[in-house]
Amino acid sequence: QKEGKIDPDKGITLDEATNWFTTIWENYND
């Protein structure tokens, strides 16, 4: 997320965590 507001270090919901991991895997060739 451009602003980096979804920060797992601070604790995030499972919806946000799912979005976080999905995006990471989608861009894993970065």
ModelCIF file with pLDDT and N, C-alpha, C, O atoms, coordinates in Angstrom:
data_MODEL
#
_entry.id   MODEL 
#
_entity.id                         1 
_entity.type                       polymer 
_entity.pdbx_number_of_molecules   1 
#
_entity_poly.entity_id                      1 
_entity_poly.type                           'polypeptide(L)' 
_entity_poly.nstd_linkage                   no 
_entity_poly.nstd_monomer                   no 
_entity_poly.pdbx_seq_one_letter_code       QKEGKIDPDKGITLDEATNWFTTIWENYND 
_entity_poly.pdbx_seq_one_letter_code_can   QKEGKIDPDKGITLDEATNWFTTIWENYND 
_entity_poly.pdbx_strand_id                 A 
#
loop_
_entity_poly_seq.entity_id 
_entity_poly_seq.num 
_entity_poly_seq.mon_id 
_entity_poly_seq.hetero 
1 1  GLN n 
1 2  LYS n 
1 3  GLU n 
1 4  GLY n 
1 5  LYS n 
1 6  ILE n 
1 7  ASP n 
1 8  PRO n 
1 9  ASP n 
1 10 LYS n 
1 11 GLY n 
1 12 ILE n 
1 13 THR n 
1 14 LEU n 
1 15 ASP n 
1 16 GLU n 
1 17 ALA n 
1 18 THR n 
1 19 ASN n 
1 20 TRP n 
1 21 PHE n 
1 22 THR n 
1 23 THR n 
1 24 ILE n 
1 25 TRP n 
1 26 GLU n 
1 27 ASN n 
1 28 TYR n 
1 29 ASN n 
1 30 ASP n 
#
_struct_asym.id          A 
_struct_asym.entity_id   1 
#
loop_
_ma_qa_metric.id 
_ma_qa_metric.mode 
_ma_qa_metric.name 
_ma_qa_metric.software_group_id 
_ma_qa_metric.type 
1 global pLDDT . pLDDT 
2 local  pLDDT . pLDDT 
#
_ma_qa_metric_global.metric_id      1 
_ma_qa_metric_global.metric_value   92.97 
_ma_qa_metric_global.model_id       1 
_ma_qa_metric_global.ordinal_id     1 
#
loop_
_ma_qa_metric_local.label_asym_id 
_ma_qa_metric_local.label_comp_id 
_ma_qa_metric_local.label_seq_id 
_ma_qa_metric_local.metric_id 
_ma_qa_metric_local.metric_value 
_ma_qa_metric_local.model_id 
_ma_qa_metric_local.ordinal_id 
A GLN 1  2 88.00 1 1  
A LYS 2  2 86.00 1 2  
A GLU 3  2 85.00 1 3  
A GLY 4  2 83.00 1 4  
A LYS 5  2 89.00 1 5  
A ILE 6  2 91.00 1 6  
A ASP 7  2 92.00 1 7  
A PRO 8  2 94.00 1 8  
A ASP 9  2 92.00 1 9  
A LYS 10 2 92.00 1 10 
A GLY 11 2 94.00 1 11 
A ILE 12 2 95.00 1 12 
A THR 13 2 95.00 1 13 
A LEU 14 2 96.00 1 14 
A ASP 15 2 95.00 1 15 
A GLU 16 2 95.00 1 16 
A ALA 17 2 96.00 1 17 
A THR 18 2 96.00 1 18 
A ASN 19 2 95.00 1 19 
A TRP 20 2 96.00 1 20 
A PHE 21 2 96.00 1 21 
A THR 22 2 96.00 1 22 
A THR 23 2 95.00 1 23 
A ILE 24 2 95.00 1 24 
A TRP 25 2 96.00 1 25 
A GLU 26 2 94.00 1 26 
A ASN 27 2 94.00 1 27 
A TYR 28 2 94.00 1 28 
A ASN 29 2 92.00 1 29 
A ASP 30 2 92.00 1 30 
#
loop_
_atom_site.group_PDB 
_atom_site.id 
_atom_site.type_symbol 
_atom_site.label_atom_id 
_atom_site.label_alt_id 
_atom_site.label_comp_id 
_atom_site.label_asym_id 
_atom_site.label_entity_id 
_atom_site.label_seq_id 
_atom_site.pdbx_PDB_ins_code 
_atom_site.Cartn_x 
_atom_site.Cartn_y 
_atom_site.Cartn_z 
_atom_site.occupancy 
_atom_site.B_iso_or_equiv 
_atom_site.pdbx_formal_charge 
_atom_site.auth_seq_id 
_atom_site.auth_comp_id 
_atom_site.auth_asym_id 
_atom_site.auth_atom_id 
_atom_site.pdbx_PDB_model_num 
ATOM 1   N N  . GLN A 1 1  ? 0.858  -1.190  0.000  1.00 88.00 ? 1  GLN A N  1 
ATOM 2   C CA . GLN A 1 1  ? 0.000  0.000   0.000  1.00 88.00 ? 1  GLN A CA 1 
ATOM 3   C C  . GLN A 1 1  ? 0.895  1.240   0.000  1.00 88.00 ? 1  GLN A C  1 
ATOM 4   O O  . GLN A 1 1  ? 1.781  1.364   0.845  1.00 88.00 ? 1  GLN A O  1 
ATOM 5   N N  . LYS A 1 2  ? 0.671  2.146   -0.930 1.00 86.00 ? 2  LYS A N  1 
ATOM 6   C CA . LYS A 1 2  ? 1.603  3.240   -1.186 1.00 86.00 ? 2  LYS A CA 1 
ATOM 7   C C  . LYS A 1 2  ? 2.017  3.986   0.073  1.00 86.00 ? 2  LYS A C  1 
ATOM 8   O O  . LYS A 1 2  ? 3.196  4.292   0.257  1.00 86.00 ? 2  LYS A O  1 
ATOM 9   N N  . GLU A 1 3  ? 1.052  4.280   0.944  1.00 85.00 ? 3  GLU A N  1 
ATOM 10  C CA . GLU A 1 3  ? 1.374  5.024   2.161  1.00 85.00 ? 3  GLU A CA 1 
ATOM 11  C C  . GLU A 1 3  ? 2.005  4.117   3.228  1.00 85.00 ? 3  GLU A C  1 
ATOM 12  O O  . GLU A 1 3  ? 2.492  4.606   4.248  1.00 85.00 ? 3  GLU A O  1 
ATOM 13  N N  . GLY A 1 4  ? 1.996  2.792   2.993  1.00 83.00 ? 4  GLY A N  1 
ATOM 14  C CA . GLY A 1 4  ? 2.579  1.855   3.971  1.00 83.00 ? 4  GLY A CA 1 
ATOM 15  C C  . GLY A 1 4  ? 1.789  1.773   5.261  1.00 83.00 ? 4  GLY A C  1 
ATOM 16  O O  . GLY A 1 4  ? 2.352  1.472   6.314  1.00 83.00 ? 4  GLY A O  1 
ATOM 17  N N  . LYS A 1 5  ? 0.485  2.036   5.194  1.00 89.00 ? 5  LYS A N  1 
ATOM 18  C CA . LYS A 1 5  ? -0.337 2.052   6.414  1.00 89.00 ? 5  LYS A CA 1 
ATOM 19  C C  . LYS A 1 5  ? -0.602 0.644   6.972  1.00 89.00 ? 5  LYS A C  1 
ATOM 20  O O  . LYS A 1 5  ? -0.848 0.480   8.167  1.00 89.00 ? 5  LYS A O  1 
ATOM 21  N N  . ILE A 1 6  ? -0.547 -0.377  6.083  1.00 91.00 ? 6  ILE A N  1 
ATOM 22  C CA . ILE A 1 6  ? -0.731 -1.752  6.575  1.00 91.00 ? 6  ILE A CA 1 
ATOM 23  C C  . ILE A 1 6  ? 0.616  -2.238  7.095  1.00 91.00 ? 6  ILE A C  1 
ATOM 24  O O  . ILE A 1 6  ? 1.455  -2.723  6.336  1.00 91.00 ? 6  ILE A O  1 
ATOM 25  N N  . ASP A 1 7  ? 0.806  -2.098  8.401  1.00 92.00 ? 7  ASP A N  1 
ATOM 26  C CA . ASP A 1 7  ? 2.099  -2.392  9.028  1.00 92.00 ? 7  ASP A CA 1 
ATOM 27  C C  . ASP A 1 7  ? 1.962  -3.596  9.963  1.00 92.00 ? 7  ASP A C  1 
ATOM 28  O O  . ASP A 1 7  ? 1.413  -3.460  11.056 1.00 92.00 ? 7  ASP A O  1 
ATOM 29  N N  . PRO A 1 8  ? 2.447  -4.763  9.560  1.00 94.00 ? 8  PRO A N  1 
ATOM 30  C CA . PRO A 1 8  ? 2.297  -5.965  10.395 1.00 94.00 ? 8  PRO A CA 1 
ATOM 31  C C  . PRO A 1 8  ? 3.042  -5.888  11.717 1.00 94.00 ? 8  PRO A C  1 
ATOM 32  O O  . PRO A 1 8  ? 2.723  -6.635  12.641 1.00 94.00 ? 8  PRO A O  1 
ATOM 33  N N  . ASP A 1 9  ? 4.046  -4.986  11.835 1.00 92.00 ? 9  ASP A N  1 
ATOM 34  C CA . ASP A 1 9  ? 4.763  -4.843  13.107 1.00 92.00 ? 9  ASP A CA 1 
ATOM 35  C C  . ASP A 1 9  ? 3.851  -4.305  14.205 1.00 92.00 ? 9  ASP A C  1 
ATOM 36  O O  . ASP A 1 9  ? 4.093  -4.549  15.387 1.00 92.00 ? 9  ASP A O  1 
ATOM 37  N N  . LYS A 1 10 ? 2.813  -3.580  13.826 1.00 92.00 ? 10 LYS A N  1 
ATOM 38  C CA . LYS A 1 10 ? 1.898  -2.991  14.802 1.00 92.00 ? 10 LYS A CA 1 
ATOM 39  C C  . LYS A 1 10 ? 0.656  -3.846  15.049 1.00 92.00 ? 10 LYS A C  1 
ATOM 40  O O  . LYS A 1 10 ? -0.165 -3.534  15.911 1.00 92.00 ? 10 LYS A O  1 
ATOM 41  N N  . GLY A 1 11 ? 0.532  -4.933  14.275 1.00 94.00 ? 11 GLY A N  1 
ATOM 42  C CA . GLY A 1 11 ? -0.657 -5.786  14.407 1.00 94.00 ? 11 GLY A CA 1 
ATOM 43  C C  . GLY A 1 11 ? -1.706 -5.399  13.383 1.00 94.00 ? 11 GLY A C  1 
ATOM 44  O O  . GLY A 1 11 ? -2.113 -4.239  13.326 1.00 94.00 ? 11 GLY A O  1 
ATOM 45  N N  . ILE A 1 12 ? -2.149 -6.348  12.575 1.00 95.00 ? 12 ILE A N  1 
ATOM 46  C CA . ILE A 1 12 ? -3.126 -6.070  11.526 1.00 95.00 ? 12 ILE A CA 1 
ATOM 47  C C  . ILE A 1 12 ? -4.199 -7.157  11.545 1.00 95.00 ? 12 ILE A C  1 
ATOM 48  O O  . ILE A 1 12 ? -3.986 -8.246  12.078 1.00 95.00 ? 12 ILE A O  1 
ATOM 49  N N  . THR A 1 13 ? -5.358 -6.843  10.954 1.00 95.00 ? 13 THR A N  1 
ATOM 50  C CA . THR A 1 13 ? -6.449 -7.813  10.891 1.00 95.00 ? 13 THR A CA 1 
ATOM 51  C C  . THR A 1 13 ? -6.107 -8.902  9.874  1.00 95.00 ? 13 THR A C  1 
ATOM 52  O O  . THR A 1 13 ? -5.175 -8.752  9.083  1.00 95.00 ? 13 THR A O  1 
ATOM 53  N N  . LEU A 1 14 ? -6.862 -9.992  9.899  1.00 96.00 ? 14 LEU A N  1 
ATOM 54  C CA . LEU A 1 14 ? -6.605 -11.081 8.949  1.00 96.00 ? 14 LEU A CA 1 
ATOM 55  C C  . LEU A 1 14 ? -6.938 -10.668 7.519  1.00 96.00 ? 14 LEU A C  1 
ATOM 56  O O  . LEU A 1 14 ? -6.334 -11.175 6.575  1.00 96.00 ? 14 LEU A O  1 
ATOM 57  N N  . ASP A 1 15 ? -7.881 -9.763  7.351  1.00 95.00 ? 15 ASP A N  1 
ATOM 58  C CA . ASP A 1 15 ? -8.165 -9.230  6.006  1.00 95.00 ? 15 ASP A CA 1 
ATOM 59  C C  . ASP A 1 15 ? -6.938 -8.489  5.475  1.00 95.00 ? 15 ASP A C  1 
ATOM 60  O O  . ASP A 1 15 ? -6.522 -8.680  4.333  1.00 95.00 ? 15 ASP A O  1 
ATOM 61  N N  . GLU A 1 16 ? -6.370 -7.637  6.335  1.00 95.00 ? 16 GLU A N  1 
ATOM 62  C CA . GLU A 1 16 ? -5.188 -6.870  5.931  1.00 95.00 ? 16 GLU A CA 1 
ATOM 63  C C  . GLU A 1 16 ? -3.984 -7.791  5.716  1.00 95.00 ? 16 GLU A C  1 
ATOM 64  O O  . GLU A 1 16 ? -3.205 -7.595  4.783  1.00 95.00 ? 16 GLU A O  1 
ATOM 65  N N  . ALA A 1 17 ? -3.839 -8.790  6.580  1.00 96.00 ? 17 ALA A N  1 
ATOM 66  C CA . ALA A 1 17 ? -2.715 -9.722  6.437  1.00 96.00 ? 17 ALA A CA 1 
ATOM 67  C C  . ALA A 1 17 ? -2.831 -10.533 5.151  1.00 96.00 ? 17 ALA A C  1 
ATOM 68  O O  . ALA A 1 17 ? -1.829 -10.792 4.484  1.00 96.00 ? 17 ALA A O  1 
ATOM 69  N N  . THR A 1 18 ? -4.052 -10.935 4.803  1.00 96.00 ? 18 THR A N  1 
ATOM 70  C CA . THR A 1 18 ? -4.267 -11.674 3.552  1.00 96.00 ? 18 THR A CA 1 
ATOM 71  C C  . THR A 1 18 ? -3.889 -10.810 2.358  1.00 96.00 ? 18 THR A C  1 
ATOM 72  O O  . THR A 1 18 ? -3.242 -11.284 1.424  1.00 96.00 ? 18 THR A O  1 
ATOM 73  N N  . ASN A 1 19 ? -4.291 -9.547  2.386  1.00 95.00 ? 19 ASN A N  1 
ATOM 74  C CA . ASN A 1 19 ? -3.944 -8.607  1.322  1.00 95.00 ? 19 ASN A CA 1 
ATOM 75  C C  . ASN A 1 19 ? -2.424 -8.418  1.257  1.00 95.00 ? 19 ASN A C  1 
ATOM 76  O O  . ASN A 1 19 ? -1.843 -8.337  0.175  1.00 95.00 ? 19 ASN A O  1 
ATOM 77  N N  . TRP A 1 20 ? -1.788 -8.350  2.439  1.00 96.00 ? 20 TRP A N  1 
ATOM 78  C CA . TRP A 1 20 ? -0.340 -8.134  2.513  1.00 96.00 ? 20 TRP A CA 1 
ATOM 79  C C  . TRP A 1 20 ? 0.406  -9.305  1.873  1.00 96.00 ? 20 TRP A C  1 
ATOM 80  O O  . TRP A 1 20 ? 1.263  -9.095  1.014  1.00 96.00 ? 20 TRP A O  1 
ATOM 81  N N  . PHE A 1 21 ? 0.088  -10.541 2.284  1.00 96.00 ? 21 PHE A N  1 
ATOM 82  C CA . PHE A 1 21 ? 0.785  -11.711 1.753  1.00 96.00 ? 21 PHE A CA 1 
ATOM 83  C C  . PHE A 1 21 ? 0.474  -11.948 0.272  1.00 96.00 ? 21 PHE A C  1 
ATOM 84  O O  . PHE A 1 21 ? 1.346  -12.374 -0.486 1.00 96.00 ? 21 PHE A O  1 
ATOM 85  N N  . THR A 1 22 ? -0.752 -11.677 -0.134 1.00 96.00 ? 22 THR A N  1 
ATOM 86  C CA . THR A 1 22 ? -1.128 -11.874 -1.541 1.00 96.00 ? 22 THR A CA 1 
ATOM 87  C C  . THR A 1 22 ? -0.324 -10.940 -2.447 1.00 96.00 ? 22 THR A C  1 
ATOM 88  O O  . THR A 1 22 ? 0.160  -11.339 -3.506 1.00 96.00 ? 22 THR A O  1 
ATOM 89  N N  . THR A 1 23 ? -0.195 -9.676  -2.000 1.00 95.00 ? 23 THR A N  1 
ATOM 90  C CA . THR A 1 23 ? 0.559  -8.692  -2.793 1.00 95.00 ? 23 THR A CA 1 
ATOM 91  C C  . THR A 1 23 ? 2.048  -9.054  -2.838 1.00 95.00 ? 23 THR A C  1 
ATOM 92  O O  . THR A 1 23 ? 2.694  -8.918  -3.876 1.00 95.00 ? 23 THR A O  1 
ATOM 93  N N  . ILE A 1 24 ? 2.576  -9.508  -1.720 1.00 95.00 ? 24 ILE A N  1 
ATOM 94  C CA . ILE A 1 24 ? 3.991  -9.892  -1.671 1.00 95.00 ? 24 ILE A CA 1 
ATOM 95  C C  . ILE A 1 24 ? 4.268  -11.031 -2.642 1.00 95.00 ? 24 ILE A C  1 
ATOM 96  O O  . ILE A 1 24 ? 5.256  -10.997 -3.375 1.00 95.00 ? 24 ILE A O  1 
ATOM 97  N N  . TRP A 1 25 ? 3.394  -12.048 -2.651 1.00 96.00 ? 25 TRP A N  1 
ATOM 98  C CA . TRP A 1 25 ? 3.606  -13.193 -3.551 1.00 96.00 ? 25 TRP A CA 1 
ATOM 99  C C  . TRP A 1 25 ? 3.444  -12.780 -5.012 1.00 96.00 ? 25 TRP A C  1 
ATOM 100 O O  . TRP A 1 25 ? 4.148  -13.278 -5.890 1.00 96.00 ? 25 TRP A O  1 
ATOM 101 N N  . GLU A 1 26 ? 2.525  -11.881 -5.256 1.00 94.00 ? 26 GLU A N  1 
ATOM 102 C CA . GLU A 1 26 ? 2.300  -11.412 -6.629 1.00 94.00 ? 26 GLU A CA 1 
ATOM 103 C C  . GLU A 1 26 ? 3.550  -10.684 -7.150 1.00 94.00 ? 26 GLU A C  1 
ATOM 104 O O  . GLU A 1 26 ? 3.840  -10.709 -8.347 1.00 94.00 ? 26 GLU A O  1 
ATOM 105 N N  . ASN A 1 27 ? 4.274  -10.044 -6.243 1.00 94.00 ? 27 ASN A N  1 
ATOM 106 C CA . ASN A 1 27 ? 5.457  -9.256  -6.649 1.00 94.00 ? 27 ASN A CA 1 
ATOM 107 C C  . ASN A 1 27 ? 6.766  -9.901  -6.198 1.00 94.00 ? 27 ASN A C  1 
ATOM 108 O O  . ASN A 1 27 ? 7.771  -9.219  -5.996 1.00 94.00 ? 27 ASN A O  1 
ATOM 109 N N  . TYR A 1 28 ? 6.738  -11.228 -6.043 1.00 94.00 ? 28 TYR A N  1 
ATOM 110 C CA . TYR A 1 28 ? 7.899  -11.887 -5.475 1.00 94.00 ? 28 TYR A CA 1 
ATOM 111 C C  . TYR A 1 28 ? 9.108  -11.880 -6.424 1.00 94.00 ? 28 TYR A C  1 
ATOM 112 O O  . TYR A 1 28 ? 10.225 -12.169 -5.993 1.00 94.00 ? 28 TYR A O  1 
ATOM 113 N N  . ASN A 1 29 ? 8.904  -11.560 -7.680 1.00 92.00 ? 29 ASN A N  1 
ATOM 114 C CA . ASN A 1 29 ? 10.023 -11.433 -8.626 1.00 92.00 ? 29 ASN A CA 1 
ATOM 115 C C  . ASN A 1 29 ? 10.626 -10.023 -8.604 1.00 92.00 ? 29 ASN A C  1 
ATOM 116 O O  . ASN A 1 29 ? 11.501 -9.698  -9.406 1.00 92.00 ? 29 ASN A O  1 
ATOM 117 N N  . ASP A 1 30 ? 10.144 -9.195  -7.672 1.00 92.00 ? 30 ASP A N  1 
ATOM 118 C CA . ASP A 1 30 ? 10.621 -7.809  -7.565 1.00 92.00 ? 30 ASP A CA 1 
ATOM 119 C C  . ASP A 1 30 ? 12.113 -7.773  -7.213 1.00 92.00 ? 30 ASP A C  1 
ATOM 120 O O  . ASP A 1 30 ? 12.690 -6.694  -7.080 1.00 92.00 ? 30 ASP A O  1 
#
